[in-house]
Amino acid sequence: MSDLTALTATRLVAGYTAGDFTPVEVTRAALERAEQTQERVNAFVRIDHEAALRQAEESTERLRRGEPRGALEGVPVTVKDILLQRGSPTFKGSYAVGAAGPWEEDAPSVARLRESGAVFLGKTTTPEFAWKGVTDSPRHGVTGNPHAPERTAGGSSGGSAAAVAAGAGPLSLGTDGGGSVRIPASFCGIYALKPTYGRVPLYPASAFGTLAHVGPMTRDAADAALLMDVISAPDPRDWSHLGPAPHSFREALAAGAEGVRGLRVAYSPDFGGRVAVAAEVAAAVRRAVALLEELGAVVEEADPGFADPVAAFHTLWFTGAARVTQQFTEEQRARLDAGLREISEDGAARSALDYLAAVDERMALGGLMGAFHERYDLLVTPTMPLTAFEAGTEVPRGSGMKRWTEWTPFSYPFNMTQQPAASVPCGADAAGLPVGVQLVGARHSDALVLSASHALFEAGVAAQVPSALG
């Protein structure tokens, strides 16, 4: 292939085995793409040229000797600047975090990447402490969409989505507390999975508690399965980790289209009329649902039937933000993102009883979805009700909205229930902005969500999604 940045991780691994190219060649191409796009997209907080090339040279030598470290030997990866990475500052988009460190520890998922032989290109942008569904921060500025840099990449893992879409590495680690891998995946035309809570270890624990998940952001489901096989390994620092996965996620994809045949699929186009969905988004999602039917799924239009849990989510989210900023000085607070400062003050004013009432609503929602998945294997919805809007704003201008949760009604409920949920690229609007379809499974059915996603890719679901490469 003339453009190494267009290859998936799965194809890179096969190419290394065949001797078609080396990790050094691939890493140089990915670094060049990162630099080419950085000024107009701003996907990176830090691009680690020297370290990445050194790792690539070491990887090339291990492959030459026939001694790869692991499944991701020589594959370029990026890491959201929320997760700890040894030797690299983790600023979390905030002036409140100093550069001095020491930066001596990897987060569990980052450690697994290192052990598998991956090559770290750099850290990707995030809003301050990953608090909102778009990516801009006082410290690192605004991240644009590779398809249209004046539009948002989404968030809070917007830098990771932009990097993958632009060709600056095929794999990235993101975090998702209310949609933060799925929102930017939908806007940037890539794949992302929010796994079942606890399937991928997380350390240090998030201030947003058990809403926060670590997940893969990739070009397709096959790469996500490859990455999940690596990062889902146990880590003793996370007491809530689920333990070893019962089966390989890559093996779960082996059935291909046959893995969809007979699945009971509930299609909810607008949560029972509760959500206004843009016409072009709705049409693209309907086409993806039709593909599932063609593959043999039994599709029924059905709605889970829950009221919008946004008030309870806000209690959980805003108190988490208050916890993040609890020890900050007045000088540090003055430099915070204004929206983060506002929700932190709101959260600090809420009581323990308010929090426990939100937990009660969360548990009720989880029970409702558990019963729903007794009838249906998958729930299918739009990932987002709209395509990417103007960058640098929390909500679309002129919408009358105030908070990012108002335009993400399909994502945050499934953080409350801890279910696996993926965004699959399925089309574009007239302006060429990508659309995503969301597949939601019962808790612990990550392999099923990946398998159905892979079947959609194999059936050409992403054929109408324009490429951001170039």
Protein backbone atom coordinates (compact mmCIF):
# COMPACT_ATOMS: atom_id res chain seq x y z
CA MET A 1 0.00 0.00 0.00
CA SER A 2 1.32 3.45 -0.92
CA ASP A 3 -0.31 5.11 2.10
CA LEU A 4 0.66 3.29 5.27
CA THR A 5 -1.52 5.62 7.34
CA ALA A 6 -4.64 4.18 5.66
CA LEU A 7 -4.03 0.68 7.00
CA THR A 8 -5.80 -0.79 10.00
CA ALA A 9 -3.81 -2.28 12.85
CA THR A 10 -4.88 -5.76 11.74
CA ARG A 11 -3.42 -5.13 8.28
CA LEU A 12 -0.26 -3.63 9.73
CA VAL A 13 0.35 -6.73 11.84
CA ALA A 14 -0.13 -8.92 8.76
CA GLY A 15 2.17 -6.66 6.73
CA TYR A 16 4.92 -6.88 9.34
CA THR A 17 4.67 -10.68 9.30
CA ALA A 18 4.87 -10.72 5.50
CA GLY A 19 7.83 -8.31 5.48
CA ASP A 20 5.94 -5.71 3.41
CA PHE A 21 7.06 -2.83 5.63
CA THR A 22 8.53 -2.21 9.07
CA PRO A 23 7.35 -0.45 12.23
CA VAL A 24 9.89 2.29 11.53
CA GLU A 25 8.34 3.02 8.13
CA VAL A 26 4.83 2.96 9.53
CA THR A 27 5.71 5.13 12.53
CA ARG A 28 7.41 7.73 10.35
CA ALA A 29 4.32 7.90 8.15
CA ALA A 30 2.02 8.24 11.17
CA LEU A 31 4.19 10.96 12.73
CA GLU A 32 4.25 12.85 9.46
CA ARG A 33 0.45 12.68 9.27
CA ALA A 34 0.17 13.86 12.87
CA GLU A 35 2.32 16.90 12.10
CA GLN A 36 0.52 17.65 8.84
CA THR A 37 -2.85 17.80 10.54
CA GLN A 38 -1.91 19.25 13.92
CA GLU A 39 -2.16 22.95 13.02
CA ARG A 40 -5.66 22.71 11.54
CA VAL A 41 -7.10 19.90 13.69
CA ASN A 42 -5.16 20.07 17.00
CA ALA A 43 -5.58 16.41 17.89
CA PHE A 44 -2.44 16.26 20.02
CA VAL A 45 -1.22 17.70 23.28
CA ARG A 46 2.18 16.13 22.61
CA ILE A 47 3.73 14.28 19.67
CA ASP A 48 6.66 12.15 20.86
CA HIS A 49 8.86 11.91 17.74
CA GLU A 50 12.06 10.75 19.38
CA ALA A 51 10.48 8.23 21.73
CA ALA A 52 8.17 6.85 19.04
CA LEU A 53 10.97 6.28 16.55
CA ARG A 54 13.13 4.67 19.22
CA GLN A 55 10.29 2.31 20.12
CA ALA A 56 9.69 1.58 16.42
CA GLU A 57 13.36 0.73 15.88
CA GLU A 58 13.28 -1.63 18.87
CA SER A 59 10.10 -3.20 17.55
CA THR A 60 11.57 -3.64 14.07
CA GLU A 61 14.55 -5.43 15.58
CA ARG A 62 12.35 -7.74 17.67
CA LEU A 63 10.32 -8.63 14.59
CA ARG A 64 13.53 -9.26 12.63
CA ARG A 65 14.57 -11.74 15.32
CA GLY A 66 11.13 -13.34 15.34
CA GLU A 67 10.56 -12.28 18.96
CA PRO A 68 7.52 -9.97 19.02
CA ARG A 69 6.42 -8.83 22.46
CA GLY A 70 2.74 -9.24 21.77
CA ALA A 71 -0.27 -8.76 19.52
CA LEU A 72 0.38 -5.05 18.88
CA GLU A 73 4.09 -5.26 18.13
CA GLY A 74 5.05 -2.18 16.12
CA VAL A 75 1.53 -0.73 15.84
CA PRO A 76 1.34 3.06 16.39
CA VAL A 77 -1.10 4.06 19.13
CA THR A 78 -2.22 7.26 20.81
CA VAL A 79 -3.48 7.83 24.35
CA LYS A 80 -6.04 10.36 25.57
CA ASP A 81 -4.46 12.89 27.90
CA ILE A 82 -6.58 11.65 30.79
CA LEU A 83 -4.78 8.31 31.17
CA LEU A 84 -1.38 8.11 32.87
CA GLN A 85 1.58 7.30 30.64
CA ARG A 86 5.04 6.74 32.06
CA GLY A 87 7.50 9.43 31.02
CA SER A 88 4.82 11.75 29.63
CA PRO A 89 2.89 14.47 31.49
CA THR A 90 -0.86 13.93 31.79
CA PHE A 91 -2.29 17.45 31.88
CA LYS A 92 -5.97 16.50 31.55
CA GLY A 93 -6.50 19.72 29.61
CA SER A 94 -5.99 21.84 32.73
CA TYR A 95 -3.64 24.53 33.98
CA ALA A 96 -4.26 23.05 37.44
CA VAL A 97 -1.96 20.13 36.57
CA GLY A 98 1.75 20.89 36.68
CA ALA A 99 4.32 19.40 34.33
CA ALA A 100 6.82 18.39 37.02
CA GLY A 101 5.39 14.97 37.75
CA PRO A 102 6.98 12.57 38.46
CA TRP A 103 5.34 10.66 35.62
CA GLU A 104 6.43 7.19 36.65
CA GLU A 105 3.30 5.09 36.20
CA ASP A 106 1.18 3.76 33.34
CA ALA A 107 -2.58 3.41 33.62
CA PRO A 108 -3.54 -0.29 33.31
CA SER A 109 -4.61 -0.05 29.66
CA VAL A 110 -1.47 1.91 28.79
CA ALA A 111 0.69 -0.67 30.56
CA ARG A 112 -0.92 -3.45 28.52
CA LEU A 113 -0.16 -1.56 25.30
CA ARG A 114 3.46 -1.16 26.32
CA GLU A 115 3.76 -4.85 27.18
CA SER A 116 2.29 -5.80 23.80
CA GLY A 117 4.94 -3.88 21.85
CA ALA A 118 2.84 -0.92 20.71
CA VAL A 119 4.54 2.32 19.63
CA PHE A 120 3.32 5.45 21.43
CA LEU A 121 2.95 8.42 19.09
CA GLY A 122 1.71 10.90 21.68
CA LYS A 123 -1.08 12.14 23.94
CA THR A 124 -4.37 13.39 22.49
CA THR A 125 -6.48 16.38 23.44
CA THR A 126 -9.38 16.41 25.88
CA PRO A 127 -11.59 19.08 27.41
CA GLU A 128 -10.57 19.95 30.94
CA PHE A 129 -10.87 16.79 33.06
CA ALA A 130 -12.98 15.27 30.25
CA TRP A 131 -16.08 17.07 31.50
CA LYS A 132 -18.03 17.70 28.27
CA GLY A 133 -18.99 16.26 24.88
CA VAL A 134 -16.75 18.51 22.78
CA THR A 135 -12.99 18.98 22.90
CA ASP A 136 -11.60 22.36 23.83
CA SER A 137 -9.78 23.52 26.92
CA PRO A 138 -8.15 26.71 28.24
CA ARG A 139 -4.77 24.98 28.20
CA HIS A 140 -4.77 23.27 24.79
CA GLY A 141 -7.32 25.11 22.68
CA VAL A 142 -9.95 23.77 20.31
CA THR A 143 -9.84 20.43 18.49
CA GLY A 144 -11.47 20.39 15.06
CA ASN A 145 -12.93 17.61 12.97
CA PRO A 146 -10.60 16.18 10.28
CA HIS A 147 -13.57 16.17 7.87
CA ALA A 148 -14.15 19.91 8.43
CA PRO A 149 -11.77 21.57 10.92
CA GLU A 150 -14.20 24.39 11.68
CA ARG A 151 -16.57 21.73 13.06
CA THR A 152 -16.13 19.96 16.40
CA ALA A 153 -14.51 16.55 16.66
CA GLY A 154 -16.86 15.84 19.56
CA GLY A 155 -15.60 14.82 22.94
CA SER A 156 -14.39 14.25 25.38
CA SER A 157 -12.11 11.86 23.48
CA GLY A 158 -12.09 14.22 20.50
CA GLY A 159 -8.34 14.25 20.05
CA SER A 160 -8.23 10.47 19.88
CA ALA A 161 -11.05 10.32 17.32
CA ALA A 162 -9.45 13.05 15.22
CA ALA A 163 -6.07 11.30 15.29
CA VAL A 164 -7.51 7.97 14.14
CA ALA A 165 -9.68 9.59 11.45
CA ALA A 166 -6.75 11.63 10.15
CA GLY A 167 -4.39 8.64 9.91
CA ALA A 168 -2.17 9.49 12.89
CA GLY A 169 -2.17 5.92 14.17
CA PRO A 170 -4.94 3.33 13.74
CA LEU A 171 -5.55 2.76 17.46
CA SER A 172 -6.30 5.08 20.34
CA LEU A 173 -7.35 4.75 23.97
CA GLY A 174 -10.27 6.95 24.98
CA THR A 175 -12.44 7.32 28.05
CA ASP A 176 -16.24 7.48 28.15
CA GLY A 177 -18.25 8.83 31.08
CA GLY A 178 -21.32 9.99 29.17
CA GLY A 179 -20.57 9.17 25.54
CA SER A 180 -16.99 10.34 25.28
CA VAL A 181 -15.73 7.70 22.85
CA ARG A 182 -19.02 7.33 20.96
CA ILE A 183 -19.75 11.04 20.41
CA PRO A 184 -16.46 11.80 18.63
CA ALA A 185 -16.52 8.45 16.82
CA SER A 186 -19.88 9.40 15.31
CA PHE A 187 -18.73 12.91 14.40
CA CYS A 188 -15.37 11.80 12.96
CA GLY A 189 -16.51 8.65 11.12
CA ILE A 190 -14.59 6.02 13.11
CA TYR A 191 -15.52 3.07 15.35
CA ALA A 192 -15.55 3.14 19.15
CA LEU A 193 -16.68 0.79 21.88
CA LYS A 194 -17.62 1.66 25.44
CA PRO A 195 -17.14 -1.73 27.08
CA THR A 196 -19.11 -3.05 30.02
CA TYR A 197 -17.97 -1.21 33.12
CA GLY A 198 -15.02 -3.05 34.67
CA ARG A 199 -14.10 -5.00 31.54
CA VAL A 200 -11.09 -2.70 30.97
CA PRO A 201 -9.28 -1.81 34.22
CA LEU A 202 -9.07 1.86 35.16
CA TYR A 203 -6.59 3.44 37.55
CA PRO A 204 -6.53 5.94 39.13
CA ALA A 205 -10.29 5.74 39.70
CA SER A 206 -12.25 8.48 37.97
CA ALA A 207 -13.80 11.26 40.06
CA PHE A 208 -16.93 10.51 38.02
CA GLY A 209 -17.00 7.08 39.61
CA THR A 210 -18.54 4.10 37.87
CA LEU A 211 -19.81 6.20 34.97
CA ALA A 212 -16.29 6.24 33.51
CA HIS A 213 -15.11 3.52 31.11
CA VAL A 214 -11.93 3.06 29.04
CA GLY A 215 -12.52 2.00 25.46
CA PRO A 216 -10.91 1.44 22.05
CA MET A 217 -11.18 4.00 19.25
CA THR A 218 -10.30 2.46 15.89
CA ARG A 219 -11.07 2.31 12.16
CA ASP A 220 -13.23 -0.80 12.45
CA ALA A 221 -14.53 -3.48 14.82
CA ALA A 222 -11.75 -5.95 13.98
CA ASP A 223 -9.16 -3.50 15.29
CA ALA A 224 -11.28 -2.83 18.37
CA ALA A 225 -11.42 -6.55 19.12
CA LEU A 226 -7.65 -6.78 18.70
CA LEU A 227 -7.19 -3.88 21.12
CA MET A 228 -9.73 -5.28 23.59
CA ASP A 229 -7.84 -8.56 23.77
CA VAL A 230 -4.87 -6.55 25.00
CA ILE A 231 -6.36 -3.93 27.32
CA SER A 232 -8.98 -6.09 29.06
CA ALA A 233 -6.31 -8.07 30.92
CA PRO A 234 -6.63 -7.84 34.73
CA ASP A 235 -4.81 -5.24 36.81
CA PRO A 236 -4.77 -5.43 40.63
CA ARG A 237 -4.98 -1.64 40.96
CA ASP A 238 -8.64 -1.67 39.86
CA TRP A 239 -10.71 -3.43 42.53
CA SER A 240 -13.82 -3.29 40.31
CA HIS A 241 -12.26 -5.08 37.33
CA LEU A 242 -14.28 -8.06 36.09
CA GLY A 243 -11.32 -10.42 35.78
CA PRO A 244 -10.09 -12.17 32.63
CA ALA A 245 -12.42 -12.06 29.64
CA PRO A 246 -14.00 -15.50 29.12
CA HIS A 247 -13.03 -15.63 25.43
CA SER A 248 -10.89 -13.81 22.89
CA PHE A 249 -12.75 -10.88 21.37
CA ARG A 250 -11.06 -11.52 18.03
CA GLU A 251 -12.37 -15.08 18.04
CA ALA A 252 -15.88 -13.71 18.55
CA LEU A 253 -15.67 -12.12 15.09
CA ALA A 254 -14.97 -15.40 13.30
CA ALA A 255 -18.63 -16.07 12.49
CA GLY A 256 -18.83 -12.94 10.33
CA ALA A 257 -22.32 -12.27 9.00
CA GLU A 258 -23.55 -15.55 10.49
CA GLY A 259 -23.01 -13.99 13.91
CA VAL A 260 -25.98 -11.70 13.26
CA ARG A 261 -28.40 -14.30 11.95
CA GLY A 262 -31.31 -14.75 14.33
CA LEU A 263 -30.35 -11.91 16.68
CA ARG A 264 -33.33 -10.15 18.22
CA VAL A 265 -32.78 -6.46 17.50
CA ALA A 266 -34.83 -3.58 18.89
CA TYR A 267 -34.62 -0.49 16.70
CA SER A 268 -35.47 2.75 18.49
CA PRO A 269 -35.11 5.62 16.00
CA ASP A 270 -35.94 8.41 18.44
CA PHE A 271 -36.59 6.93 21.91
CA GLY A 272 -40.33 6.79 21.32
CA GLY A 273 -40.58 10.24 19.77
CA ARG A 274 -38.70 11.86 22.65
CA VAL A 275 -35.63 12.88 20.61
CA ALA A 276 -35.59 15.09 17.51
CA VAL A 277 -33.21 13.42 15.03
CA ALA A 278 -31.90 15.16 11.90
CA ALA A 279 -33.45 13.66 8.76
CA GLU A 280 -30.14 12.70 7.15
CA VAL A 281 -28.98 11.04 10.38
CA ALA A 282 -32.23 9.08 10.64
CA ALA A 283 -31.97 7.93 7.02
CA ALA A 284 -28.38 6.67 7.44
CA VAL A 285 -29.28 4.79 10.62
CA ARG A 286 -32.29 3.19 8.92
CA ARG A 287 -30.01 1.93 6.16
CA ALA A 288 -27.74 0.34 8.77
CA VAL A 289 -30.76 -1.32 10.39
CA ALA A 290 -31.82 -2.63 6.97
CA LEU A 291 -28.35 -4.17 6.62
CA LEU A 292 -28.84 -5.99 9.91
CA GLU A 293 -32.11 -7.38 8.54
CA GLU A 294 -30.39 -8.47 5.33
CA LEU A 295 -27.81 -10.29 7.46
CA GLY A 296 -30.58 -12.27 9.13
CA ALA A 297 -31.35 -10.30 12.29
CA VAL A 298 -34.95 -10.17 13.45
CA VAL A 299 -35.59 -6.44 13.75
CA GLU A 300 -38.52 -4.89 15.55
CA GLU A 301 -39.12 -1.19 16.14
CA ALA A 302 -39.23 -1.03 19.92
CA ASP A 303 -38.37 1.55 22.55
CA PRO A 304 -36.88 0.80 25.99
CA GLY A 305 -39.52 3.08 27.48
CA PHE A 306 -37.51 5.09 30.01
CA ALA A 307 -37.92 8.79 30.68
CA ASP A 308 -34.89 10.99 30.11
CA PRO A 309 -32.58 10.33 33.10
CA VAL A 310 -30.66 13.57 32.55
CA ALA A 311 -31.47 15.05 35.98
CA ALA A 312 -30.02 12.02 37.76
CA PHE A 313 -27.05 11.96 35.40
CA HIS A 314 -26.39 15.63 36.14
CA THR A 315 -26.35 14.93 39.88
CA LEU A 316 -23.80 12.16 39.38
CA TRP A 317 -21.77 14.16 36.85
CA PHE A 318 -21.79 17.53 38.58
CA THR A 319 -20.84 16.08 41.97
CA GLY A 320 -17.98 14.30 40.23
CA ALA A 321 -16.83 17.62 38.81
CA ALA A 322 -17.05 19.13 42.30
CA ARG A 323 -14.83 16.32 43.56
CA VAL A 324 -12.28 16.97 40.79
CA THR A 325 -11.97 20.64 41.75
CA GLN A 326 -12.49 20.31 45.49
CA GLN A 327 -8.91 21.09 46.51
CA PHE A 328 -8.21 23.79 43.93
CA THR A 329 -7.07 27.23 45.01
CA GLU A 330 -8.99 30.34 43.99
CA GLU A 331 -6.27 31.05 41.45
CA GLN A 332 -6.68 27.58 39.93
CA ARG A 333 -10.47 27.92 39.86
CA ALA A 334 -10.18 31.24 38.05
CA ARG A 335 -8.35 29.51 35.18
CA LEU A 336 -10.87 26.67 34.79
CA ASP A 337 -13.13 26.25 31.78
CA ALA A 338 -16.11 28.43 32.70
CA GLY A 339 -18.57 25.58 32.15
CA LEU A 340 -16.58 23.23 34.35
CA ARG A 341 -16.44 25.85 37.09
CA GLU A 342 -20.22 26.29 36.83
CA ILE A 343 -21.11 22.60 37.09
CA SER A 344 -18.57 22.13 39.90
CA GLU A 345 -20.30 24.83 41.93
CA ASP A 346 -23.65 23.23 41.17
CA GLY A 347 -22.36 19.81 42.22
CA ALA A 348 -20.88 21.13 45.46
CA ALA A 349 -24.31 22.46 46.44
CA ARG A 350 -26.01 19.06 46.09
CA SER A 351 -26.51 16.88 49.15
CA ALA A 352 -25.70 13.26 49.88
CA LEU A 353 -29.43 12.56 49.72
CA ASP A 354 -29.56 14.12 46.25
CA TYR A 355 -26.72 11.82 45.20
CA LEU A 356 -28.37 8.72 46.64
CA ALA A 357 -31.65 9.58 44.93
CA ALA A 358 -29.74 9.71 41.64
CA VAL A 359 -28.19 6.33 42.44
CA ASP A 360 -31.67 4.94 43.04
CA GLU A 361 -32.80 6.20 39.62
CA ARG A 362 -29.69 4.72 38.07
CA MET A 363 -30.40 1.32 39.58
CA ALA A 364 -33.99 1.43 38.38
CA LEU A 365 -32.82 2.25 34.86
CA GLY A 366 -30.36 -0.63 34.99
CA GLY A 367 -33.11 -3.00 36.04
CA LEU A 368 -35.37 -1.77 33.23
CA MET A 369 -32.65 -2.33 30.64
CA GLY A 370 -31.85 -5.74 32.09
CA ALA A 371 -35.47 -6.75 31.53
CA PHE A 372 -35.44 -5.19 28.06
CA HIS A 373 -32.48 -7.35 27.06
CA GLU A 374 -34.35 -10.47 28.12
CA ARG A 375 -36.43 -9.76 25.01
CA TYR A 376 -33.80 -8.25 22.71
CA ASP A 377 -30.13 -9.06 22.14
CA LEU A 378 -29.32 -5.59 20.85
CA LEU A 379 -30.79 -2.11 20.98
CA VAL A 380 -30.01 0.03 17.92
CA THR A 381 -30.28 3.83 17.95
CA PRO A 382 -28.55 6.76 16.30
CA THR A 383 -25.33 7.49 18.16
CA MET A 384 -25.97 11.22 17.86
CA PRO A 385 -29.16 12.96 16.70
CA LEU A 386 -27.08 15.41 14.66
CA THR A 387 -23.76 15.73 12.84
CA ALA A 388 -20.77 17.81 13.93
CA PHE A 389 -21.52 21.47 14.63
CA GLU A 390 -19.27 24.50 15.02
CA ALA A 391 -16.10 23.87 17.01
CA GLY A 392 -15.39 25.80 20.20
CA THR A 393 -18.93 25.72 21.60
CA GLU A 394 -20.50 23.33 24.11
CA VAL A 395 -23.83 23.33 22.28
CA PRO A 396 -24.86 24.22 18.70
CA ARG A 397 -25.15 27.99 18.30
CA GLY A 398 -28.72 29.21 18.24
CA SER A 399 -30.07 25.91 19.60
CA GLY A 400 -31.23 27.35 22.90
CA MET A 401 -29.39 24.53 24.67
CA LYS A 402 -27.13 25.07 27.66
CA ARG A 403 -25.34 21.79 28.43
CA TRP A 404 -23.83 19.09 26.20
CA THR A 405 -26.20 16.49 27.60
CA GLU A 406 -29.08 18.12 25.71
CA TRP A 407 -27.72 16.95 22.35
CA THR A 408 -26.40 13.54 23.51
CA PRO A 409 -29.61 11.78 24.66
CA PHE A 410 -28.61 8.42 23.16
CA SER A 411 -25.25 8.11 24.92
CA TYR A 412 -25.20 8.95 28.65
CA PRO A 413 -28.07 6.62 29.72
CA PHE A 414 -25.86 3.63 28.95
CA ASN A 415 -23.05 4.91 31.16
CA MET A 416 -25.59 4.89 33.97
CA THR A 417 -26.46 1.26 33.18
CA GLN A 418 -22.82 0.22 32.49
CA GLN A 419 -23.79 -1.59 29.27
CA PRO A 420 -21.48 -2.09 26.28
CA ALA A 421 -22.31 0.34 23.49
CA ALA A 422 -20.55 0.96 20.17
CA SER A 423 -20.73 3.63 17.50
CA VAL A 424 -20.43 2.28 13.96
CA PRO A 425 -19.90 4.73 11.05
CA CYS A 426 -22.87 4.33 8.70
CA GLY A 427 -23.09 7.31 6.35
CA ALA A 428 -22.80 11.05 6.00
CA ASP A 429 -24.99 14.09 5.56
CA ALA A 430 -25.06 16.31 2.48
CA ALA A 431 -22.08 18.26 3.80
CA GLY A 432 -19.99 15.09 4.04
CA LEU A 433 -20.12 14.97 7.84
CA PRO A 434 -20.19 11.41 9.23
CA VAL A 435 -23.13 9.69 10.94
CA GLY A 436 -22.91 6.86 13.47
CA VAL A 437 -25.31 4.10 14.46
CA GLN A 438 -25.20 2.88 18.07
CA LEU A 439 -25.37 -0.80 19.04
CA VAL A 440 -26.14 -1.42 22.72
CA GLY A 441 -25.93 -4.84 24.37
CA ALA A 442 -26.76 -6.26 27.76
CA ARG A 443 -24.04 -5.98 30.41
CA HIS A 444 -21.16 -8.39 29.70
CA SER A 445 -22.18 -8.86 26.04
CA ASP A 446 -19.17 -6.96 24.68
CA ALA A 447 -18.29 -9.80 22.31
CA LEU A 448 -21.80 -9.74 20.84
CA VAL A 449 -21.63 -5.98 20.25
CA LEU A 450 -18.25 -6.36 18.57
CA SER A 451 -19.45 -9.31 16.47
CA ALA A 452 -22.53 -7.46 15.21
CA SER A 453 -20.42 -4.37 14.52
CA HIS A 454 -17.94 -6.46 12.55
CA ALA A 455 -20.73 -8.03 10.50
CA LEU A 456 -21.95 -4.55 9.58
CA PHE A 457 -18.45 -3.54 8.47
CA GLU A 458 -18.16 -6.72 6.41
CA ALA A 459 -21.51 -5.87 4.80
CA GLY A 460 -20.26 -2.41 3.79
CA VAL A 461 -21.96 -0.23 6.39
CA ALA A 462 -19.16 2.35 6.19
CA ALA A 463 -19.05 2.51 2.39
CA GLN A 464 -20.77 5.91 2.31
CA VAL A 465 -18.56 7.45 4.99
CA PRO A 466 -16.04 9.83 3.41
CA SER A 467 -12.39 9.45 4.29
CA ALA A 468 -10.66 12.19 6.27
CA LEU A 469 -7.23 11.04 5.07
CA GLY A 470 -5.20 13.31 2.85
